[in-house]
Amino acid sequence: MTSKYPVTGVGLGLRRALLGPLSSITTDQIQFMEVAPENWINVGGRYGKVFREYTEKFPFVLHGLSLSIGSPLPLDWELLKNIKAFMAEHSIRCYTEHLSYCSDTGHLYDLMPIPFTLQAVDYVADRISQIQDFLGQRIAMENVSYYAAPQQEMSEIEFTNAVLEKADCHLLLDVNNIYVNSINHGYDAHQFLKALPGHRIVYGHIAGHYDEAEDLRVDTHGADVIDPVWDLLSEAYDQFGAFPTLLERDFNIPPVPELLQEVGRIRQIQNIACLDTPVAYA
């Protein structure tokens, strides 16, 4: 039997600062890793050699930063050519991107919210379809954190589900983003989670965030995961089964034993979920 997911178990985002510290980690401790392709395409020399050692040891997925799905600019076909070649070179299991945009006349260096409109659904879904045709496989879109909702005609969940359905693409389920957005935009995180199409999930993200104010959370990936987010992950497993899940940590990176504690907590929650709900197979 083959898992319906491109990877299994628990993952960790590989940052350059972790190349040395994680060198002795085994696939018993971490089952898969994730990188942003923009940070590794055409990287050679010592870094390229070490990265190759990792991709030969662990299954990898890609999480893009700059494809800018919702941008008014044309798609970056040169970047997509490089991504396609990179995926083949390193046997990458899955390519994911943010349901947002990050460019206009230039790079904006941040993830901007796509207006929640029917016109934007059609526009974004068409661009995703073009990318999937070019890569020859479905990609996954991540539900993103956002701090403003310009020209909003639909709710976030309505917009997200409409894009996924129209593009017939996969979902990268970010649990922390649901929690952050529920605080910032005043909706019920549990209802949002229940309304997602579980059959489209390829894997999940979990991370920490920053409390800017009582009604403002900032998605930073720079802190430990908090208990309400762990609880939401457990609820997601109860709802959809124990899908593969990756810990994101971009800065304030603790020593490896502390990272592995959080990775281990994901595995613990997965194991508990599997006692009640068998892992789905295709």
C-alpha atoms as a PDB file:
ATOM      1  CA  MET A   1       0.000   0.000   0.000  1.00  0.00           C
ATOM      2  CA  THR A   2       1.117   3.555  -0.722  1.00  0.00           C
ATOM      3  CA  SER A   3       0.325   6.563   1.434  1.00  0.00           C
ATOM      4  CA  LYS A   4      -1.894   9.141  -0.261  1.00  0.00           C
ATOM      5  CA  TYR A   5       0.547  11.817   0.916  1.00  0.00           C
ATOM      6  CA  PRO A   6       3.838  12.706  -0.838  1.00  0.00           C
ATOM      7  CA  VAL A   7       5.693  12.329   2.478  1.00  0.00           C
ATOM      8  CA  THR A   8       4.918  10.753   5.839  1.00  0.00           C
ATOM      9  CA  GLY A   9       5.415  11.491   9.514  1.00  0.00           C
ATOM     10  CA  VAL A  10       6.994  14.639  10.895  1.00  0.00           C
ATOM     11  CA  GLY A  11       9.124  17.211   9.089  1.00  0.00           C
ATOM     12  CA  LEU A  12      11.357  20.198   9.758  1.00  0.00           C
ATOM     13  CA  GLY A  13      12.191  23.225   7.647  1.00  0.00           C
ATOM     14  CA  LEU A  14      15.880  23.104   6.706  1.00  0.00           C
ATOM     15  CA  ARG A  15      17.595  26.478   7.093  1.00  0.00           C
ATOM     16  CA  ARG A  16      21.261  27.104   6.268  1.00  0.00           C
ATOM     17  CA  ALA A  17      21.965  27.708   9.946  1.00  0.00           C
ATOM     18  CA  LEU A  18      20.822  24.130  10.584  1.00  0.00           C
ATOM     19  CA  LEU A  19      23.004  22.382   7.993  1.00  0.00           C
ATOM     20  CA  GLY A  20      25.710  21.607  10.546  1.00  0.00           C
ATOM     21  CA  PRO A  21      23.571  21.061  13.667  1.00  0.00           C
ATOM     22  CA  LEU A  22      21.252  18.595  11.889  1.00  0.00           C
ATOM     23  CA  SER A  23      23.997  16.590  10.183  1.00  0.00           C
ATOM     24  CA  SER A  24      23.691  13.612  12.535  1.00  0.00           C
ATOM     25  CA  ILE A  25      19.872  13.520  12.535  1.00  0.00           C
ATOM     26  CA  THR A  26      18.305  10.337  11.174  1.00  0.00           C
ATOM     27  CA  THR A  27      15.047   9.605   9.383  1.00  0.00           C
ATOM     28  CA  ASP A  28      13.837   7.993  12.602  1.00  0.00           C
ATOM     29  CA  GLN A  29      13.883  11.452  14.201  1.00  0.00           C
ATOM     30  CA  ILE A  30      12.720  13.552  11.229  1.00  0.00           C
ATOM     31  CA  GLN A  31      10.935  11.915   8.302  1.00  0.00           C
ATOM     32  CA  PHE A  32      11.046  14.747   5.754  1.00  0.00           C
ATOM     33  CA  MET A  33      12.398  18.269   5.222  1.00  0.00           C
ATOM     34  CA  GLU A  34      11.302  21.400   3.404  1.00  0.00           C
ATOM     35  CA  VAL A  35      13.179  24.268   1.740  1.00  0.00           C
ATOM     36  CA  ALA A  36      12.344  27.347  -0.295  1.00  0.00           C
ATOM     37  CA  PRO A  37      13.610  26.640  -3.827  1.00  0.00           C
ATOM     38  CA  GLU A  38      14.684  30.273  -4.290  1.00  0.00           C
ATOM     39  CA  ASN A  39      17.273  29.763  -1.544  1.00  0.00           C
ATOM     40  CA  TRP A  40      18.874  26.705  -3.183  1.00  0.00           C
ATOM     41  CA  ILE A  41      18.485  26.834  -6.963  1.00  0.00           C
ATOM     42  CA  ASN A  42      21.922  27.102  -8.609  1.00  0.00           C
ATOM     43  CA  VAL A  43      23.720  26.927  -5.252  1.00  0.00           C
ATOM     44  CA  GLY A  44      27.005  25.061  -5.707  1.00  0.00           C
ATOM     45  CA  GLY A  45      30.252  24.679  -3.816  1.00  0.00           C
ATOM     46  CA  ARG A  46      30.267  23.558  -0.204  1.00  0.00           C
ATOM     47  CA  TYR A  47      26.644  24.494   0.439  1.00  0.00           C
ATOM     48  CA  GLY A  48      25.499  22.693  -2.695  1.00  0.00           C
ATOM     49  CA  LYS A  49      27.399  19.553  -1.715  1.00  0.00           C
ATOM     50  CA  VAL A  50      25.961  19.526   1.808  1.00  0.00           C
ATOM     51  CA  PHE A  51      22.452  20.153   0.489  1.00  0.00           C
ATOM     52  CA  ARG A  52      22.826  17.192  -1.888  1.00  0.00           C
ATOM     53  CA  GLU A  53      23.763  15.016   1.078  1.00  0.00           C
ATOM     54  CA  TYR A  54      20.530  16.029   2.775  1.00  0.00           C
ATOM     55  CA  THR A  55      18.326  15.388  -0.275  1.00  0.00           C
ATOM     56  CA  GLU A  56      19.887  11.958  -0.705  1.00  0.00           C
ATOM     57  CA  LYS A  57      19.112  11.161   2.941  1.00  0.00           C
ATOM     58  CA  PHE A  58      15.646  12.706   3.466  1.00  0.00           C
ATOM     59  CA  PRO A  59      12.507  13.089   1.356  1.00  0.00           C
ATOM     60  CA  PHE A  60      12.084  16.789   0.503  1.00  0.00           C
ATOM     61  CA  VAL A  61       9.215  19.125  -0.311  1.00  0.00           C
ATOM     62  CA  LEU A  62       9.448  22.686  -1.653  1.00  0.00           C
ATOM     63  CA  HIS A  63       7.680  25.743  -0.256  1.00  0.00           C
ATOM     64  CA  GLY A  64       8.029  28.652  -2.665  1.00  0.00           C
ATOM     65  CA  LEU A  65       8.381  32.286  -1.624  1.00  0.00           C
ATOM     66  CA  SER A  66       8.253  34.370  -4.777  1.00  0.00           C
ATOM     67  CA  LEU A  67       6.001  32.871  -7.451  1.00  0.00           C
ATOM     68  CA  SER A  68       3.443  35.563  -6.517  1.00  0.00           C
ATOM     69  CA  ILE A  69       0.299  33.689  -7.493  1.00  0.00           C
ATOM     70  CA  GLY A  70      -1.981  36.717  -7.091  1.00  0.00           C
ATOM     71  CA  SER A  71       0.277  39.298  -8.745  1.00  0.00           C
ATOM     72  CA  PRO A  72      -0.932  41.388 -11.707  1.00  0.00           C
ATOM     73  CA  LEU A  73       2.423  40.666 -13.369  1.00  0.00           C
ATOM     74  CA  PRO A  74       2.866  37.688 -15.730  1.00  0.00           C
ATOM     75  CA  LEU A  75       3.996  34.421 -14.208  1.00  0.00           C
ATOM     76  CA  ASP A  76       7.760  34.034 -13.829  1.00  0.00           C
ATOM     77  CA  TRP A  77       8.341  31.211 -16.306  1.00  0.00           C
ATOM     78  CA  GLU A  78      12.111  31.341 -15.863  1.00  0.00           C
ATOM     79  CA  LEU A  79      11.680  30.660 -12.146  1.00  0.00           C
ATOM     80  CA  LEU A  80       9.258  27.845 -12.935  1.00  0.00           C
ATOM     81  CA  LYS A  81      11.750  26.264 -15.356  1.00  0.00           C
ATOM     82  CA  ASN A  82      14.371  26.361 -12.623  1.00  0.00           C
ATOM     83  CA  ILE A  83      11.949  24.895 -10.085  1.00  0.00           C
ATOM     84  CA  LYS A  84      11.006  22.047 -12.434  1.00  0.00           C
ATOM     85  CA  ALA A  85      14.665  21.201 -13.035  1.00  0.00           C
ATOM     86  CA  PHE A  86      15.470  21.496  -9.322  1.00  0.00           C
ATOM     87  CA  MET A  87      12.640  19.120  -8.426  1.00  0.00           C
ATOM     88  CA  ALA A  88      13.912  16.541 -10.901  1.00  0.00           C
ATOM     89  CA  GLU A  89      17.530  16.948  -9.771  1.00  0.00           C
ATOM     90  CA  HIS A  90      16.718  16.360  -6.093  1.00  0.00           C
ATOM     91  CA  SER A  91      13.685  14.021  -6.395  1.00  0.00           C
ATOM     92  CA  ILE A  92      11.439  16.580  -4.681  1.00  0.00           C
ATOM     93  CA  ARG A  93       8.119  15.063  -3.623  1.00  0.00           C
ATOM     94  CA  CYS A  94       5.852  18.129  -3.750  1.00  0.00           C
ATOM     95  CA  TYR A  95       5.813  21.833  -4.612  1.00  0.00           C
ATOM     96  CA  THR A  96       3.772  24.294  -2.554  1.00  0.00           C
ATOM     97  CA  GLU A  97       3.236  28.044  -2.624  1.00  0.00           C
ATOM     98  CA  HIS A  98       1.455  30.793  -0.702  1.00  0.00           C
ATOM     99  CA  LEU A  99      -2.061  31.872  -1.613  1.00  0.00           C
ATOM    100  CA  SER A 100      -0.903  35.487  -1.791  1.00  0.00           C
ATOM    101  CA  TYR A 101       1.300  37.742  -3.899  1.00  0.00           C
ATOM    102  CA  CYS A 102       4.654  39.434  -3.370  1.00  0.00           C
ATOM    103  CA  SER A 103       5.316  41.476  -6.515  1.00  0.00           C
ATOM    104  CA  ASP A 104       3.911  44.306  -8.588  1.00  0.00           C
ATOM    105  CA  THR A 105       6.356  46.463 -10.547  1.00  0.00           C
ATOM    106  CA  GLY A 106       9.035  44.949  -8.298  1.00  0.00           C
ATOM    107  CA  HIS A 107       9.438  42.505  -5.453  1.00  0.00           C
ATOM    108  CA  LEU A 108       7.536  43.608  -2.341  1.00  0.00           C
ATOM    109  CA  TYR A 109       9.503  41.398   0.092  1.00  0.00           C
ATOM    110  CA  ASP A 110       6.335  40.436   1.924  1.00  0.00           C
ATOM    111  CA  LEU A 111       3.279  38.252   1.412  1.00  0.00           C
ATOM    112  CA  MET A 112       0.349  40.501   0.490  1.00  0.00           C
ATOM    113  CA  PRO A 113      -3.330  39.487   0.706  1.00  0.00           C
ATOM    114  CA  ILE A 114      -5.189  38.719  -2.491  1.00  0.00           C
ATOM    115  CA  PRO A 115      -8.599  40.470  -2.531  1.00  0.00           C
ATOM    116  CA  PHE A 116     -11.305  37.955  -1.627  1.00  0.00           C
ATOM    117  CA  THR A 117     -13.367  38.413  -4.797  1.00  0.00           C
ATOM    118  CA  LEU A 118     -14.852  36.141  -7.452  1.00  0.00           C
ATOM    119  CA  GLN A 119     -12.706  37.874 -10.076  1.00  0.00           C
ATOM    120  CA  ALA A 120      -9.588  37.042  -8.033  1.00  0.00           C
ATOM    121  CA  VAL A 121     -10.725  33.410  -7.704  1.00  0.00           C
ATOM    122  CA  ASP A 122     -10.877  33.084 -11.501  1.00  0.00           C
ATOM    123  CA  TYR A 123      -7.564  34.887 -12.006  1.00  0.00           C
ATOM    124  CA  VAL A 124      -5.615  32.941  -9.374  1.00  0.00           C
ATOM    125  CA  ALA A 125      -7.111  29.568 -10.303  1.00  0.00           C
ATOM    126  CA  ASP A 126      -6.153  30.096 -13.948  1.00  0.00           C
ATOM    127  CA  ARG A 127      -2.553  30.883 -12.970  1.00  0.00           C
ATOM    128  CA  ILE A 128      -2.373  27.808 -10.736  1.00  0.00           C
ATOM    129  CA  SER A 129      -3.721  25.677 -13.609  1.00  0.00           C
ATOM    130  CA  GLN A 130      -1.044  27.030 -15.946  1.00  0.00           C
ATOM    131  CA  ILE A 131       1.653  26.167 -13.388  1.00  0.00           C
ATOM    132  CA  GLN A 132       0.275  22.676 -12.861  1.00  0.00           C
ATOM    133  CA  ASP A 133       0.181  22.055 -16.610  1.00  0.00           C
ATOM    134  CA  PHE A 134       3.780  23.223 -16.920  1.00  0.00           C
ATOM    135  CA  LEU A 135       5.085  21.140 -14.004  1.00  0.00           C
ATOM    136  CA  GLY A 136       2.990  18.125 -14.962  1.00  0.00           C
ATOM    137  CA  GLN A 137       1.617  17.735 -11.426  1.00  0.00           C
ATOM    138  CA  ARG A 138      -0.693  19.348  -8.942  1.00  0.00           C
ATOM    139  CA  ILE A 139       0.786  21.926  -6.608  1.00  0.00           C
ATOM    140  CA  ALA A 140      -0.455  22.818  -3.115  1.00  0.00           C
ATOM    141  CA  MET A 141      -1.512  26.269  -1.975  1.00  0.00           C
ATOM    142  CA  GLU A 142      -1.046  27.348   1.642  1.00  0.00           C
ATOM    143  CA  ASN A 143      -3.680  29.240   3.603  1.00  0.00           C
ATOM    144  CA  VAL A 144      -1.688  32.327   4.569  1.00  0.00           C
ATOM    145  CA  SER A 145      -1.701  34.815   7.430  1.00  0.00           C
ATOM    146  CA  TYR A 146      -2.831  38.315   6.414  1.00  0.00           C
ATOM    147  CA  TYR A 147      -3.341  41.605   8.211  1.00  0.00           C
ATOM    148  CA  ALA A 148      -5.781  43.448   5.934  1.00  0.00           C
ATOM    149  CA  ALA A 149      -8.621  42.319   3.672  1.00  0.00           C
ATOM    150  CA  PRO A 150      -8.922  44.818   0.809  1.00  0.00           C
ATOM    151  CA  GLN A 151     -12.011  44.766  -1.451  1.00  0.00           C
ATOM    152  CA  GLN A 152     -13.403  41.814   0.474  1.00  0.00           C
ATOM    153  CA  GLU A 153     -16.509  40.285  -1.146  1.00  0.00           C
ATOM    154  CA  MET A 154     -16.120  36.775   0.296  1.00  0.00           C
ATOM    155  CA  SER A 155     -14.890  35.320   3.550  1.00  0.00           C
ATOM    156  CA  GLU A 156     -11.390  33.853   3.745  1.00  0.00           C
ATOM    157  CA  ILE A 157     -12.724  30.290   3.855  1.00  0.00           C
ATOM    158  CA  GLU A 158     -15.045  30.902   0.890  1.00  0.00           C
ATOM    159  CA  PHE A 159     -12.191  32.371  -1.142  1.00  0.00           C
ATOM    160  CA  THR A 160      -9.705  29.624  -0.197  1.00  0.00           C
ATOM    161  CA  ASN A 161     -12.115  26.798  -0.986  1.00  0.00           C
ATOM    162  CA  ALA A 162     -13.206  28.404  -4.257  1.00  0.00           C
ATOM    163  CA  VAL A 163      -9.605  28.693  -5.478  1.00  0.00           C
ATOM    164  CA  LEU A 164      -8.763  25.117  -4.489  1.00  0.00           C
ATOM    165  CA  GLU A 165     -11.869  23.787  -6.216  1.00  0.00           C
ATOM    166  CA  LYS A 166     -11.598  25.823  -9.421  1.00  0.00           C
ATOM    167  CA  ALA A 167      -7.853  25.131  -9.842  1.00  0.00           C
ATOM    168  CA  ASP A 168      -8.244  21.519  -8.671  1.00  0.00           C
ATOM    169  CA  CYS A 169      -5.049  21.875  -6.647  1.00  0.00           C
ATOM    170  CA  HIS A 170      -3.869  20.573  -3.279  1.00  0.00           C
ATOM    171  CA  LEU A 171      -3.833  22.278   0.115  1.00  0.00           C
ATOM    172  CA  LEU A 172      -0.894  22.906   2.423  1.00  0.00           C
ATOM    173  CA  LEU A 173      -2.713  23.325   5.725  1.00  0.00           C
ATOM    174  CA  ASP A 174      -1.009  25.836   8.016  1.00  0.00           C
ATOM    175  CA  VAL A 175      -2.551  25.419  11.470  1.00  0.00           C
ATOM    176  CA  ASN A 176      -0.818  28.421  13.028  1.00  0.00           C
ATOM    177  CA  ASN A 177      -2.087  30.691  10.252  1.00  0.00           C
ATOM    178  CA  ILE A 178      -5.657  29.670  11.028  1.00  0.00           C
ATOM    179  CA  TYR A 179      -5.119  30.563  14.680  1.00  0.00           C
ATOM    180  CA  VAL A 180      -3.397  33.887  13.896  1.00  0.00           C
ATOM    181  CA  ASN A 181      -6.081  34.929  11.402  1.00  0.00           C
ATOM    182  CA  SER A 182      -8.900  33.933  13.749  1.00  0.00           C
ATOM    183  CA  ILE A 183      -7.562  36.373  16.353  1.00  0.00           C
ATOM    184  CA  ASN A 184      -6.743  39.161  13.906  1.00  0.00           C
ATOM    185  CA  HIS A 185      -9.999  38.942  11.934  1.00  0.00           C
ATOM    186  CA  GLY A 186     -12.394  37.739  14.607  1.00  0.00           C
ATOM    187  CA  TYR A 187     -13.579  34.386  13.271  1.00  0.00           C
ATOM    188  CA  ASP A 188     -13.916  30.913  14.777  1.00  0.00           C
ATOM    189  CA  ALA A 189     -10.772  28.876  14.056  1.00  0.00           C
ATOM    190  CA  HIS A 190     -12.592  25.596  14.673  1.00  0.00           C
ATOM    191  CA  GLN A 191     -15.343  26.391  12.172  1.00  0.00           C
ATOM    192  CA  PHE A 192     -12.736  27.468   9.603  1.00  0.00           C
ATOM    193  CA  LEU A 193     -10.869  24.199  10.064  1.00  0.00           C
ATOM    194  CA  LYS A 194     -14.006  22.094   9.687  1.00  0.00           C
ATOM    195  CA  ALA A 195     -14.882  23.838   6.419  1.00  0.00           C
ATOM    196  CA  LEU A 196     -11.586  22.974   4.691  1.00  0.00           C
ATOM    197  CA  PRO A 197     -11.469  20.189   2.056  1.00  0.00           C
ATOM    198  CA  GLY A 198      -9.469  17.534   3.911  1.00  0.00           C
ATOM    199  CA  HIS A 199      -9.084  15.370   0.807  1.00  0.00           C
ATOM    200  CA  ARG A 200      -6.861  18.078  -0.727  1.00  0.00           C
ATOM    201  CA  ILE A 201      -4.313  18.189   2.138  1.00  0.00           C
ATOM    202  CA  VAL A 202      -0.789  17.078   1.190  1.00  0.00           C
ATOM    203  CA  TYR A 203       0.882  18.025   4.463  1.00  0.00           C
ATOM    204  CA  GLY A 204       0.659  20.627   7.205  1.00  0.00           C
ATOM    205  CA  HIS A 205       2.647  23.415   8.843  1.00  0.00           C
ATOM    206  CA  ILE A 206       2.840  24.356  12.486  1.00  0.00           C
ATOM    207  CA  ALA A 207       4.833  27.240  13.939  1.00  0.00           C
ATOM    208  CA  GLY A 208       5.086  29.901  16.599  1.00  0.00           C
ATOM    209  CA  HIS A 209       4.036  33.538  16.354  1.00  0.00           C
ATOM    210  CA  TYR A 210       4.367  36.890  18.145  1.00  0.00           C
ATOM    211  CA  ASP A 211       1.708  38.546  20.309  1.00  0.00           C
ATOM    212  CA  GLU A 212       1.772  42.188  19.170  1.00  0.00           C
ATOM    213  CA  ALA A 213      -1.433  43.059  21.053  1.00  0.00           C
ATOM    214  CA  GLU A 214      -4.458  41.347  22.541  1.00  0.00           C
ATOM    215  CA  ASP A 215      -6.166  41.385  19.146  1.00  0.00           C
ATOM    216  CA  LEU A 216      -3.072  41.172  16.919  1.00  0.00           C
ATOM    217  CA  ARG A 217      -0.869  38.146  16.310  1.00  0.00           C
ATOM    218  CA  VAL A 218       2.063  38.230  13.881  1.00  0.00           C
ATOM    219  CA  ASP A 219       3.096  35.033  12.092  1.00  0.00           C
ATOM    220  CA  THR A 220       6.873  35.042  12.674  1.00  0.00           C
ATOM    221  CA  HIS A 221       8.040  31.411  12.876  1.00  0.00           C
ATOM    222  CA  GLY A 222      10.370  32.708  15.569  1.00  0.00           C
ATOM    223  CA  ALA A 223       8.908  31.250  18.770  1.00  0.00           C
ATOM    224  CA  ASP A 224       7.709  28.006  20.305  1.00  0.00           C
ATOM    225  CA  VAL A 225       4.287  26.692  19.299  1.00  0.00           C
ATOM    226  CA  ILE A 226       1.668  27.620  21.906  1.00  0.00           C
ATOM    227  CA  ASP A 227      -0.917  25.301  23.450  1.00  0.00           C
ATOM    228  CA  PRO A 228      -4.001  26.608  21.552  1.00  0.00           C
ATOM    229  CA  VAL A 229      -2.182  25.913  18.255  1.00  0.00           C
ATOM    230  CA  TRP A 230      -1.212  22.416  19.428  1.00  0.00           C
ATOM    231  CA  ASP A 231      -4.870  21.871  20.319  1.00  0.00           C
ATOM    232  CA  LEU A 232      -5.934  23.025  16.853  1.00  0.00           C
ATOM    233  CA  LEU A 233      -3.472  20.580  15.280  1.00  0.00           C
ATOM    234  CA  SER A 234      -4.985  17.755  17.328  1.00  0.00           C
ATOM    235  CA  GLU A 235      -8.424  18.829  16.160  1.00  0.00           C
ATOM    236  CA  ALA A 236      -7.208  18.841  12.534  1.00  0.00           C
ATOM    237  CA  TYR A 237      -6.020  15.239  12.922  1.00  0.00           C
ATOM    238  CA  ASP A 238      -9.360  14.262  14.445  1.00  0.00           C
ATOM    239  CA  GLN A 239     -11.090  15.859  11.478  1.00  0.00           C
ATOM    240  CA  PHE A 240      -8.857  14.732   8.606  1.00  0.00           C
ATOM    241  CA  GLY A 241      -6.575  11.976   9.904  1.00  0.00           C
ATOM    242  CA  ALA A 242      -2.944  12.298  10.942  1.00  0.00           C
ATOM    243  CA  PHE A 243      -1.515  14.024   7.861  1.00  0.00           C
ATOM    244  CA  PRO A 244       2.263  14.694   7.618  1.00  0.00           C
ATOM    245  CA  THR A 245       3.180  17.873   9.489  1.00  0.00           C
ATOM    246  CA  LEU A 246       6.266  20.082   9.430  1.00  0.00           C
ATOM    247  CA  LEU A 247       7.644  22.436  12.080  1.00  0.00           C
ATOM    248  CA  GLU A 248       8.691  25.859  10.749  1.00  0.00           C
ATOM    249  CA  ARG A 249      11.349  27.822  12.617  1.00  0.00           C
ATOM    250  CA  ASP A 250      12.980  30.702  10.748  1.00  0.00           C
ATOM    251  CA  PHE A 251      14.867  32.613  13.471  1.00  0.00           C
ATOM    252  CA  ASN A 252      15.536  32.494  17.215  1.00  0.00           C
ATOM    253  CA  ILE A 253      16.369  28.898  16.366  1.00  0.00           C
ATOM    254  CA  PRO A 254      16.925  26.902  19.569  1.00  0.00           C
ATOM    255  CA  PRO A 255      19.438  24.061  20.013  1.00  0.00           C
ATOM    256  CA  VAL A 256      18.592  20.880  18.121  1.00  0.00           C
ATOM    257  CA  PRO A 257      17.381  18.983  21.239  1.00  0.00           C
ATOM    258  CA  GLU A 258      14.738  21.688  21.784  1.00  0.00           C
ATOM    259  CA  LEU A 259      13.691  21.580  18.127  1.00  0.00           C
ATOM    260  CA  LEU A 260      13.374  17.822  18.372  1.00  0.00           C
ATOM    261  CA  GLN A 261      11.132  18.210  21.407  1.00  0.00           C
ATOM    262  CA  GLU A 262       8.622  20.149  19.317  1.00  0.00           C
ATOM    263  CA  VAL A 263       9.002  17.697  16.441  1.00  0.00           C
ATOM    264  CA  GLY A 264       8.396  14.929  18.951  1.00  0.00           C
ATOM    265  CA  ARG A 265       5.231  16.623  20.162  1.00  0.00           C
ATOM    266  CA  ILE A 266       3.849  16.575  16.607  1.00  0.00           C
ATOM    267  CA  ARG A 267       4.579  12.849  16.467  1.00  0.00           C
ATOM    268  CA  GLN A 268       2.909  12.339  19.843  1.00  0.00           C
ATOM    269  CA  ILE A 269      -0.277  14.038  18.657  1.00  0.00           C
ATOM    270  CA  GLN A 270      -0.182  12.031  15.425  1.00  0.00           C
ATOM    271  CA  ASN A 271       0.159   8.790  17.365  1.00  0.00           C
ATOM    272  CA  ILE A 272      -2.776   9.662  19.616  1.00  0.00           C
ATOM    273  CA  ALA A 273      -4.890  10.496  16.575  1.00  0.00           C
ATOM    274  CA  CYS A 274      -3.938   7.213  14.906  1.00  0.00           C
ATOM    275  CA  LEU A 275      -5.184   5.251  17.920  1.00  0.00           C
ATOM    276  CA  ASP A 276      -8.667   6.555  17.147  1.00  0.00           C
ATOM    277  CA  THR A 277      -8.506   7.055  13.382  1.00  0.00           C
ATOM    278  CA  PRO A 278      -6.500   4.802  11.029  1.00  0.00           C
ATOM    279  CA  VAL A 279      -4.172   6.628   8.638  1.00  0.00           C
ATOM    280  CA  ALA A 280      -5.874   6.882   5.244  1.00  0.00           C
ATOM    281  CA  TYR A 281      -4.403   5.028   2.277  1.00  0.00           C
ATOM    282  CA  ALA A 282      -5.091   5.333  -1.390  1.00  0.00           C
END
